[in-house]
Protein backbone atom coordinates (compact mmCIF):
# COMPACT_ATOMS: atom_id res chain seq x y z
CA MET A 1 -0.13 0.00 -0.13
CA PHE A 2 1.22 3.65 -0.82
CA ILE A 3 -0.02 6.86 0.03
CA ALA A 4 1.30 10.05 -2.19
CA ILE A 5 1.32 13.07 -0.92
CA LEU A 6 1.17 15.83 -3.43
CA THR A 7 2.47 19.70 -2.80
CA TYR A 8 1.53 22.36 -5.30
CA LYS A 9 4.65 23.87 -6.90
CA LYS A 10 2.51 26.22 -9.25
CA PRO A 11 0.08 28.92 -7.99
CA ILE A 12 -3.29 27.66 -7.24
CA GLU A 13 -4.95 29.29 -10.29
CA GLU A 14 -2.52 26.99 -12.22
CA VAL A 15 -3.36 24.06 -10.20
CA ASP A 16 -7.15 25.03 -11.14
CA ARG A 17 -6.37 24.80 -14.80
CA PHE A 18 -5.45 21.46 -14.73
CA LEU A 19 -7.99 20.21 -12.14
CA GLN A 20 -10.46 18.58 -14.61
CA ALA A 21 -7.51 16.63 -16.13
CA HIS A 22 -6.36 15.54 -12.84
CA ARG A 23 -10.19 14.39 -11.51
CA GLU A 24 -10.74 12.17 -14.95
CA TYR A 25 -7.13 10.68 -13.94
CA LEU A 26 -8.38 9.82 -10.66
CA SER A 27 -11.79 8.63 -12.32
CA LYS A 28 -9.79 6.40 -14.33
CA HIS A 29 -7.65 4.99 -11.39
CA TYR A 30 -10.75 4.60 -9.34
CA ALA A 31 -12.20 2.54 -11.88
CA SER A 32 -9.19 0.28 -12.23
CA GLY A 33 -8.94 -0.41 -8.36
CA ASP A 34 -5.62 1.35 -8.03
CA PHE A 35 -6.90 4.29 -5.61
CA ILE A 36 -8.53 3.66 -2.43
CA ALA A 37 -9.09 7.30 -1.21
CA SER A 38 -8.23 10.77 -2.38
CA GLY A 39 -8.38 14.37 -1.75
CA PRO A 40 -6.87 17.81 -1.08
CA GLN A 41 -5.28 18.80 1.99
CA THR A 42 -6.41 21.24 4.35
CA PRO A 43 -5.26 24.13 3.58
CA ARG A 44 -5.16 23.62 -0.05
CA ILE A 45 -1.53 23.16 -0.49
CA GLY A 46 -1.48 19.89 -2.10
CA GLY A 47 -3.36 16.34 -2.23
CA VAL A 48 -3.01 13.10 -0.95
CA ILE A 49 -3.95 9.60 -2.48
CA MET A 50 -3.80 6.36 -1.45
CA ILE A 51 -2.54 3.89 -3.80
CA LYS A 52 -3.27 -0.18 -3.76
CA ALA A 53 -0.33 -1.59 -5.78
CA ASP A 54 2.16 -4.40 -5.53
CA ASN A 55 5.25 -2.22 -5.87
CA ARG A 56 6.96 0.96 -6.26
CA ALA A 57 7.95 0.87 -10.00
CA LEU A 58 3.95 0.44 -10.56
CA VAL A 59 3.18 3.44 -8.50
CA ASP A 60 5.77 5.49 -10.23
CA SER A 61 4.27 4.65 -13.44
CA ILE A 62 0.67 5.64 -12.56
CA ILE A 63 1.96 9.13 -10.92
CA ALA A 64 3.48 9.49 -14.33
CA GLN A 65 0.36 9.83 -15.96
CA ASP A 66 -1.13 12.32 -13.60
CA PRO A 67 -1.73 15.85 -15.63
CA PHE A 68 -0.25 17.47 -12.03
CA SER A 69 2.93 15.61 -12.70
CA ILE A 70 2.98 15.67 -16.54
CA ASN A 71 2.63 19.45 -16.24
CA GLY A 72 5.09 20.20 -13.10
CA ILE A 73 2.06 21.13 -11.11
CA ALA A 74 3.07 19.18 -7.65
CA ASP A 75 5.82 17.32 -6.44
CA TYR A 76 5.02 13.41 -4.98
CA ARG A 77 6.24 12.07 -1.66
CA ILE A 78 5.52 8.19 -1.72
CA VAL A 79 4.94 6.73 1.38
CA GLU A 80 5.24 2.88 1.33
CA PHE A 81 3.59 0.99 4.14
CA THR A 82 1.99 -2.43 5.36
CA PRO A 83 -1.23 -2.03 7.08
CA THR A 84 -1.70 -3.97 9.69
CA MET A 85 -4.97 -3.16 11.52
CA PHE A 86 -7.65 -1.58 9.87
CA VAL A 87 -11.80 -1.33 10.05
CA GLU A 88 -13.76 -3.85 8.74
CA SER A 89 -16.17 -1.56 7.21
CA SER A 90 -16.09 -0.19 3.61
CA LEU A 91 -14.15 3.52 3.77
CA SER A 92 -17.38 5.17 2.54
CA ASP A 93 -19.19 3.76 5.93
CA ILE A 94 -16.24 5.46 7.95
CA LEU A 95 -16.45 8.88 6.13
CA LYS A 96 -20.18 9.33 6.75
């Protein structure tokens, strides 16, 4: 399991120019089962994506497809972790 922590390196107006393309990228990877959760940081200085992948190389190839990466909008810090404890309900139930 991986967490990508995005930090914007461009003004928010530039981020917003690529936001729709970024959301389409997210939707594609949710549909394929790569992403578990995502959202903006508070305050809005970047974002976070929880990624299900077998290895770091796969994560890097997924991140390389992000319009924020392609257009130099954000830096990415990737954290790999092994979940050993978790809630037995779905994430949507937790977030209600």
